[in-house]
């Protein structure tokens, strides 16, 4: 396992210059949809258009999901002038962007600082400025930039010198961050590199708006919980324009229960995490749609105060997480990581940073009450708005 290094002098010096730039976009955590979890390398122009149509038809757009993001495998090499080309599954990227925009949505794309992407397609190595300009010309609004492919260069040039490898990685990310900035187009910049080198400490310094804090998620309760609950302690690194990213949502992909998907959505909302659905939007069940479009849970995630929540207590399988909200109230998640239904109580008002508790609203069950305890199902959650 790679050793985590401390933040570099580069990060300290660059933070003031680049940090303010990240505030221009992603004032709240980005919301949308990404093609990878369901389509992986099979995604086509038709799939993206269908996703855009469904985001409107299902009410997701009106709930706040605006980005339709194409992940890896759209690339097809370069022309004689070095311009990035699309493959035959994406015959006209600019026309596709115009279609997505016509739906009141935005469009995202994928690349890597390496010569090749994770899937072995054309990366942006030594073409960063050229690619950024192309994205802007196409009308791209979001770039996911994945370290895959650049690792070989790091290994070759840095060898076992971990500090040098991390410095190379930060420089590569900063190069694309600057290239995006100079286009003049507001493009959300998302980094994917599994949290190496404590990226939450220096992500804004390279112009990033969000950064992955973990490895890849899977459509299983165990992996989702491992990732989500490991975010404890990272709240101070998130805020308007720069967000910790525990990876995309798996809601609707079919391998978790409704209670588990409810936990997934609730935890990501308390974490002020980006909400990027990754399911087949043409086959969503009513239960999955209700989870993804719950306006009160989304309001917690999108609260303009921009504070990430954190763990308040943990005892056995029970965890309590809290997120401050702009109106002075707090969102509290009562999580039962055990197998069986159990009763859970709200911590004391002082623990929540409140002088007293006036009212409590249960988001998933609806209604106002000041009474507890609450019966929380195994692998389930109750989300309370505490005034």
Protein backbone atom coordinates (compact mmCIF):
# COMPACT_ATOMS: atom_id res chain seq x y z
CA UNK A 1 0.00 0.00 0.00
CA UNK A 2 1.28 3.46 -0.83
CA UNK A 3 2.27 5.55 2.18
CA UNK A 4 0.30 8.76 2.63
CA UNK A 5 2.53 11.79 2.54
CA UNK A 6 2.00 15.18 4.11
CA UNK A 7 0.77 18.08 2.02
CA UNK A 8 3.54 19.53 -0.13
CA UNK A 9 4.97 23.04 -0.34
CA UNK A 10 3.47 23.13 -3.84
CA UNK A 11 0.01 22.71 -2.33
CA UNK A 12 0.55 25.45 0.24
CA UNK A 13 1.81 27.96 -2.31
CA UNK A 14 -0.85 27.20 -4.90
CA UNK A 15 -3.84 27.09 -2.58
CA UNK A 16 -4.51 30.84 -2.52
CA UNK A 17 -4.33 31.13 -6.31
CA UNK A 18 -6.37 28.08 -7.25
CA UNK A 19 -8.66 27.77 -4.26
CA UNK A 20 -10.67 30.86 -5.13
CA UNK A 21 -11.10 29.59 -8.69
CA UNK A 22 -12.88 26.43 -7.50
CA UNK A 23 -15.58 28.61 -5.94
CA UNK A 24 -16.81 29.66 -9.39
CA UNK A 25 -18.53 26.27 -9.88
CA UNK A 26 -19.88 23.56 -7.57
CA UNK A 27 -21.04 25.94 -4.86
CA UNK A 28 -23.01 22.92 -3.64
CA UNK A 29 -22.08 19.26 -4.27
CA UNK A 30 -22.64 18.38 -7.95
CA UNK A 31 -25.71 16.26 -8.73
CA UNK A 32 -26.29 14.20 -11.83
CA UNK A 33 -25.71 10.82 -13.42
CA UNK A 34 -22.62 8.94 -14.64
CA UNK A 35 -22.55 6.17 -17.23
CA UNK A 36 -19.95 3.86 -15.67
CA UNK A 37 -21.76 1.90 -12.96
CA UNK A 38 -24.36 0.56 -15.39
CA UNK A 39 -22.92 0.83 -18.91
CA UNK A 40 -19.15 0.70 -18.25
CA UNK A 41 -17.39 0.46 -21.65
CA UNK A 42 -20.61 -0.11 -23.62
CA UNK A 43 -21.91 3.45 -23.39
CA UNK A 44 -23.05 5.18 -26.60
CA UNK A 45 -24.41 8.50 -27.80
CA UNK A 46 -27.89 6.96 -27.76
CA UNK A 47 -27.48 5.93 -24.09
CA UNK A 48 -26.53 9.46 -23.09
CA UNK A 49 -29.49 10.97 -24.92
CA UNK A 50 -31.80 8.41 -23.29
CA UNK A 51 -30.35 9.22 -19.87
CA UNK A 52 -31.00 12.92 -20.45
CA UNK A 53 -34.57 12.17 -21.50
CA UNK A 54 -35.14 10.03 -18.41
CA UNK A 55 -33.68 12.59 -16.04
CA UNK A 56 -36.43 14.91 -17.21
CA UNK A 57 -39.19 12.29 -17.31
CA UNK A 58 -38.47 10.87 -13.84
CA UNK A 59 -38.29 14.27 -12.15
CA UNK A 60 -34.58 13.92 -11.40
CA UNK A 61 -33.70 17.13 -13.22
CA UNK A 62 -36.29 19.08 -11.27
CA UNK A 63 -34.97 17.49 -8.07
CA UNK A 64 -31.51 18.94 -8.81
CA UNK A 65 -29.70 16.30 -10.89
CA UNK A 66 -28.23 18.28 -13.76
CA UNK A 67 -25.02 16.62 -14.97
CA UNK A 68 -25.12 13.79 -17.52
CA UNK A 69 -21.59 12.42 -17.43
CA UNK A 70 -19.90 10.19 -20.01
CA UNK A 71 -17.23 8.03 -18.38
CA UNK A 72 -14.36 6.20 -20.11
CA UNK A 73 -14.28 4.62 -23.62
CA UNK A 74 -15.55 7.49 -25.80
CA UNK A 75 -12.08 8.33 -27.17
CA UNK A 76 -10.52 7.30 -30.52
CA UNK A 77 -7.01 8.74 -30.73
CA UNK A 78 -5.97 12.05 -32.33
CA UNK A 79 -5.85 13.70 -35.72
CA UNK A 80 -2.71 15.01 -37.41
CA UNK A 81 -2.92 18.24 -35.39
CA UNK A 82 -3.21 16.35 -32.11
CA UNK A 83 -6.90 17.05 -31.54
CA UNK A 84 -8.73 14.38 -29.55
CA UNK A 85 -11.19 12.33 -31.60
CA UNK A 86 -14.35 10.47 -30.62
CA UNK A 87 -15.02 6.89 -31.67
CA UNK A 88 -17.95 5.67 -33.74
CA UNK A 89 -20.17 5.28 -30.66
CA UNK A 90 -20.02 9.09 -30.29
CA UNK A 91 -20.13 10.48 -33.82
CA UNK A 92 -20.63 14.15 -32.87
CA UNK A 93 -19.84 15.19 -29.30
CA UNK A 94 -20.80 18.82 -29.85
CA UNK A 95 -24.22 17.82 -31.17
CA UNK A 96 -24.66 15.50 -28.19
CA UNK A 97 -23.79 18.33 -25.81
CA UNK A 98 -26.33 20.57 -27.53
CA UNK A 99 -29.00 17.90 -27.10
CA UNK A 100 -28.26 17.51 -23.39
CA UNK A 101 -28.27 21.30 -22.95
CA UNK A 102 -31.62 21.52 -24.73
CA UNK A 103 -33.08 19.45 -21.89
CA UNK A 104 -31.98 21.97 -19.30
CA UNK A 105 -29.08 19.73 -18.30
CA UNK A 106 -25.28 19.81 -18.42
CA UNK A 107 -22.84 17.31 -19.83
CA UNK A 108 -19.62 15.79 -18.50
CA UNK A 109 -16.75 13.85 -19.98
CA UNK A 110 -13.78 11.74 -18.84
CA UNK A 111 -10.01 11.70 -19.34
CA UNK A 112 -6.70 10.91 -17.66
CA UNK A 113 -3.34 12.68 -17.21
CA UNK A 114 -1.72 9.56 -18.64
CA UNK A 115 -1.21 8.58 -22.28
CA UNK A 116 -4.01 6.06 -21.83
CA UNK A 117 -7.13 5.93 -19.64
CA UNK A 118 -8.18 3.11 -17.31
CA UNK A 119 -9.85 1.41 -20.27
CA UNK A 120 -6.81 1.82 -22.53
CA UNK A 121 -8.25 4.72 -24.56
CA UNK A 122 -6.58 8.01 -25.46
CA UNK A 123 -5.60 10.12 -22.41
CA UNK A 124 -4.61 13.78 -22.17
CA UNK A 125 -0.88 13.35 -21.55
CA UNK A 126 0.99 16.29 -23.15
CA UNK A 127 -2.28 17.52 -24.69
CA UNK A 128 -3.88 19.08 -21.61
CA UNK A 129 -4.40 22.59 -22.94
CA UNK A 130 -5.49 21.31 -26.34
CA UNK A 131 -8.03 18.93 -24.80
CA UNK A 132 -9.39 21.56 -22.42
CA UNK A 133 -10.01 23.88 -25.36
CA UNK A 134 -11.73 21.07 -27.25
CA UNK A 135 -13.99 20.32 -24.29
CA UNK A 136 -14.92 23.98 -24.07
CA UNK A 137 -15.66 24.11 -27.81
CA UNK A 138 -17.88 21.06 -27.52
CA UNK A 139 -19.77 22.64 -24.62
CA UNK A 140 -18.56 20.30 -21.87
CA UNK A 141 -19.48 21.30 -18.31
CA UNK A 142 -17.72 18.65 -16.19
CA UNK A 143 -14.47 16.70 -16.41
CA UNK A 144 -13.70 13.53 -14.46
CA UNK A 145 -9.92 13.17 -14.52
CA UNK A 146 -8.70 9.70 -13.56
CA UNK A 147 -5.09 8.97 -12.56
CA UNK A 148 -5.18 5.64 -14.43
CA UNK A 149 -2.48 5.48 -17.07
CA UNK A 150 -0.26 8.08 -15.42
CA UNK A 151 0.87 5.58 -12.79
CA UNK A 152 3.30 3.97 -15.24
CA UNK A 153 4.99 7.33 -15.82
CA UNK A 154 5.18 7.94 -12.07
CA UNK A 155 6.72 4.51 -11.51
CA UNK A 156 9.21 4.96 -14.34
CA UNK A 157 10.39 8.44 -13.38
CA UNK A 158 10.04 8.36 -9.59
CA UNK A 159 10.78 4.72 -8.89
CA UNK A 160 10.54 4.09 -5.17
CA UNK A 161 10.69 7.81 -4.32
CA UNK A 162 7.15 8.22 -3.01
CA UNK A 163 7.44 11.95 -2.40
CA UNK A 164 8.50 12.55 -5.98
CA UNK A 165 5.69 10.37 -7.30
CA UNK A 166 3.12 12.34 -5.34
CA UNK A 167 4.64 15.63 -6.51
CA UNK A 168 4.34 14.42 -10.11
CA UNK A 169 0.71 13.49 -9.54
CA UNK A 170 -0.14 16.88 -8.06
CA UNK A 171 1.62 18.65 -10.92
CA UNK A 172 -0.26 16.60 -13.51
CA UNK A 173 -3.60 17.44 -11.93
CA UNK A 174 -2.65 21.11 -11.61
CA UNK A 175 -1.72 21.25 -15.30
CA UNK A 176 -5.20 20.24 -16.39
CA UNK A 177 -6.77 22.44 -13.71
CA UNK A 178 -5.00 25.46 -15.16
CA UNK A 179 -5.88 24.42 -18.72
CA UNK A 180 -9.57 24.27 -17.81
CA UNK A 181 -9.40 27.63 -16.08
CA UNK A 182 -7.83 29.35 -19.08
CA UNK A 183 -10.65 28.24 -21.38
CA UNK A 184 -12.93 30.71 -19.62
CA UNK A 185 -15.71 28.12 -19.49
CA UNK A 186 -16.95 27.05 -16.03
CA UNK A 187 -16.11 23.32 -16.02
CA UNK A 188 -16.44 21.24 -12.85
CA UNK A 189 -13.12 19.49 -12.25
CA UNK A 190 -13.37 16.09 -10.57
CA UNK A 191 -10.29 14.06 -9.60
CA UNK A 192 -10.26 10.28 -9.30
CA UNK A 193 -7.21 8.73 -7.65
CA UNK A 194 -8.51 6.78 -4.63
CA UNK A 195 -7.53 9.38 -2.04
CA UNK A 196 -3.76 8.93 -2.31
CA UNK A 197 -1.54 11.48 -0.60
CA UNK A 198 -4.47 12.71 1.54
CA UNK A 199 -5.86 14.54 -1.48
CA UNK A 200 -8.49 16.28 0.66
CA UNK A 201 -5.67 18.45 2.03
CA UNK A 202 -4.51 19.79 -1.33
CA UNK A 203 -7.31 19.17 -3.84
CA UNK A 204 -8.34 22.85 -4.11
CA UNK A 205 -4.74 23.88 -4.75
CA UNK A 206 -4.76 22.14 -8.14
CA UNK A 207 -8.08 23.71 -9.15
CA UNK A 208 -10.24 20.69 -8.30
CA UNK A 209 -13.87 20.98 -7.21
CA UNK A 210 -14.13 17.41 -5.90
CA UNK A 211 -11.82 14.49 -5.33
CA UNK A 212 -12.28 10.84 -4.63
CA UNK A 213 -11.39 9.93 -1.06
CA UNK A 214 -11.56 6.15 -1.52
CA UNK A 215 -11.29 3.30 -3.99
CA UNK A 216 -14.22 2.28 -6.17
CA UNK A 217 -17.66 1.63 -4.74
CA UNK A 218 -19.64 -1.55 -5.49
CA UNK A 219 -23.35 -2.34 -5.37
CA UNK A 220 -23.11 -4.09 -2.01
CA UNK A 221 -23.98 -2.96 1.50
CA UNK A 222 -20.56 -4.00 2.81
CA UNK A 223 -18.56 -1.91 0.32
CA UNK A 224 -20.94 1.06 0.48
CA UNK A 225 -20.79 1.08 4.29
CA UNK A 226 -17.02 0.63 4.33
CA UNK A 227 -16.60 3.69 2.12
CA UNK A 228 -19.31 5.90 3.60
CA UNK A 229 -18.56 5.43 7.28
CA UNK A 230 -14.81 5.82 6.66
CA UNK A 231 -15.36 9.50 5.86
CA UNK A 232 -15.33 10.41 9.57
CA UNK A 233 -12.85 13.21 10.24
CA UNK A 234 -12.79 14.69 6.74
CA UNK A 235 -15.49 17.34 7.23
CA UNK A 236 -13.07 20.23 7.69
CA UNK A 237 -11.71 19.76 4.16
CA UNK A 238 -15.03 20.24 2.36
CA UNK A 239 -16.99 23.39 1.59
CA UNK A 240 -18.48 25.43 -1.24
CA UNK A 241 -16.52 24.80 -4.42
CA UNK A 242 -14.52 21.84 -3.06
CA UNK A 243 -16.00 18.52 -1.91
CA UNK A 244 -14.90 15.14 -0.65
CA UNK A 245 -16.19 12.47 -3.05
CA UNK A 246 -16.85 8.93 -1.70
CA UNK A 247 -17.77 7.80 -5.25
CA UNK A 248 -21.02 7.47 -7.16
CA UNK A 249 -24.42 6.23 -6.00
CA UNK A 250 -25.40 2.60 -6.59
CA UNK A 251 -29.10 3.14 -5.85
CA UNK A 252 -31.22 1.20 -8.32
CA UNK A 253 -28.62 -1.29 -9.48
CA UNK A 254 -30.40 -4.07 -7.64
CA UNK A 255 -28.00 -5.69 -5.19
CA UNK A 256 -29.02 -3.84 -2.02
CA UNK A 257 -32.32 -3.68 -0.17
CA UNK A 258 -34.50 -0.58 0.02
CA UNK A 259 -33.29 0.01 3.60
CA UNK A 260 -29.67 -0.27 2.45
CA UNK A 261 -30.19 2.11 -0.45
CA UNK A 262 -31.91 4.52 1.96
CA UNK A 263 -28.82 4.34 4.17
CA UNK A 264 -26.65 4.99 1.10
CA UNK A 265 -28.58 8.13 0.13
CA UNK A 266 -28.81 9.42 3.70
CA UNK A 267 -25.14 8.98 4.48
CA UNK A 268 -24.05 10.65 1.23
CA UNK A 269 -26.39 13.58 1.97
CA UNK A 270 -24.98 14.05 5.48
CA UNK A 271 -21.49 13.89 3.98
CA UNK A 272 -22.35 16.70 1.55
CA UNK A 273 -21.14 14.28 -1.10
CA UNK A 274 -21.70 14.67 -4.83
CA UNK A 275 -24.89 12.81 -5.78
CA UNK A 276 -24.15 11.08 -9.07
CA UNK A 277 -26.59 8.28 -9.83
CA UNK A 278 -25.19 5.30 -11.71
CA UNK A 279 -28.23 3.16 -12.49
CA UNK A 280 -30.29 2.39 -15.57
CA UNK A 281 -32.68 5.34 -15.56
CA UNK A 282 -35.07 3.60 -17.95
CA UNK A 283 -35.76 0.83 -15.42
CA UNK A 284 -36.03 2.58 -12.07
CA UNK A 285 -38.50 1.18 -9.58
CA UNK A 286 -40.83 3.58 -7.77
CA UNK A 287 -38.89 2.89 -4.56
CA UNK A 288 -35.55 3.80 -6.17
CA UNK A 289 -37.02 6.94 -7.70
CA UNK A 290 -38.46 7.96 -4.34
CA UNK A 291 -35.07 7.56 -2.66
CA UNK A 292 -33.16 9.48 -5.32
CA UNK A 293 -35.65 12.35 -5.56
CA UNK A 294 -36.58 12.84 -1.90
CA UNK A 295 -36.50 16.63 -1.72
CA UNK A 296 -35.78 16.82 2.02
CA UNK A 297 -32.77 14.52 1.81
CA UNK A 298 -31.47 16.40 -1.21
CA UNK A 299 -31.92 19.66 0.72
CA UNK A 300 -29.61 18.27 3.41
CA UNK A 301 -26.95 17.45 0.82
CA UNK A 302 -27.39 20.78 -0.98
CA UNK A 303 -27.67 22.99 2.10
CA UNK A 304 -26.00 26.30 1.14
CA UNK A 305 -23.99 26.46 4.37
CA UNK A 306 -21.79 23.87 2.67
CA UNK A 307 -20.80 21.98 5.81
CA UNK A 308 -19.99 18.29 5.59
CA UNK A 309 -21.41 16.20 8.42
CA UNK A 310 -19.39 14.01 10.75
CA UNK A 311 -19.79 11.18 13.23
CA UNK A 312 -21.06 12.20 16.66
CA UNK A 313 -21.00 8.81 18.33
CA UNK A 314 -20.44 5.12 17.67
CA UNK A 315 -21.38 2.28 19.96
CA UNK A 316 -21.38 -1.28 18.72
CA UNK A 317 -23.34 -1.36 15.44
CA UNK A 318 -24.96 2.04 16.12
CA UNK A 319 -23.60 5.28 14.68
CA UNK A 320 -24.96 8.82 14.92
CA UNK A 321 -23.89 11.39 12.33
CA UNK A 322 -24.75 15.09 12.28
CA UNK A 323 -24.64 17.84 9.65
CA UNK A 324 -25.15 21.55 10.53
CA UNK A 325 -27.64 23.41 8.34
CA UNK A 326 -27.80 27.09 7.42
CA UNK A 327 -31.03 27.79 9.34
CA UNK A 328 -29.42 26.75 12.61
CA UNK A 329 -30.97 23.30 12.74
CA UNK A 330 -29.04 20.06 12.28
CA UNK A 331 -29.58 16.90 10.26
CA UNK A 332 -29.00 13.78 12.32
CA UNK A 333 -28.66 10.26 10.95
CA UNK A 334 -29.31 7.33 13.27
CA UNK A 335 -27.56 4.41 11.53
CA UNK A 336 -28.01 0.80 12.53
CA UNK A 337 -25.17 -1.22 11.00
CA UNK A 338 -26.42 -4.39 12.66
CA UNK A 339 -28.63 -7.08 11.14
CA UNK A 340 -31.76 -6.65 13.29
CA UNK A 341 -34.14 -3.79 14.04
CA UNK A 342 -33.09 -1.87 17.14
CA UNK A 343 -34.27 1.19 19.06
CA UNK A 344 -32.02 4.25 18.82
CA UNK A 345 -32.27 7.56 20.68
CA UNK A 346 -31.19 11.07 19.82
CA UNK A 347 -28.05 12.34 21.59
CA UNK A 348 -28.40 15.17 24.08
CA UNK A 349 -28.94 18.65 22.64
CA UNK A 350 -25.52 19.71 23.89
CA UNK A 351 -23.88 16.90 21.94
CA UNK A 352 -25.57 18.23 18.80
CA UNK A 353 -24.38 21.79 19.50
CA UNK A 354 -27.90 22.98 20.35
CA UNK A 355 -29.10 24.73 23.52
CA UNK A 356 -32.38 22.85 23.37
CA UNK A 357 -34.53 20.79 21.03
CA UNK A 358 -37.74 22.49 19.91
CA UNK A 359 -38.95 20.00 17.30
CA UNK A 360 -37.81 16.97 15.34
CA UNK A 361 -38.90 16.02 11.84
CA UNK A 362 -38.39 12.49 10.57
CA UNK A 363 -37.50 12.85 6.90
CA UNK A 364 -38.13 9.31 5.68
CA UNK A 365 -41.24 8.69 7.77
CA UNK A 366 -42.46 12.33 7.68
CA UNK A 367 -44.09 14.20 10.53
CA UNK A 368 -42.85 16.26 13.46
CA UNK A 369 -42.21 14.67 16.82
CA UNK A 370 -40.01 15.16 19.86
CA UNK A 371 -40.43 11.60 21.00
CA UNK A 372 -38.03 8.72 20.66
CA UNK A 373 -36.48 6.26 20.63
CA UNK A 374 -36.83 5.33 16.95
CA UNK A 375 -36.94 1.78 15.67
CA UNK A 376 -34.24 1.52 13.03
CA UNK A 377 -34.15 -1.56 10.78
CA UNK A 378 -31.00 -3.57 10.27
CA UNK A 379 -28.69 -1.85 7.77
CA UNK A 380 -31.17 1.03 7.95
CA UNK A 381 -31.36 4.65 9.07
CA UNK A 382 -33.63 7.36 10.40
CA UNK A 383 -32.86 10.88 9.22
CA UNK A 384 -34.03 13.56 11.63
CA UNK A 385 -34.08 17.33 11.15
CA UNK A 386 -33.62 18.73 14.65
CA UNK A 387 -34.58 22.34 15.36
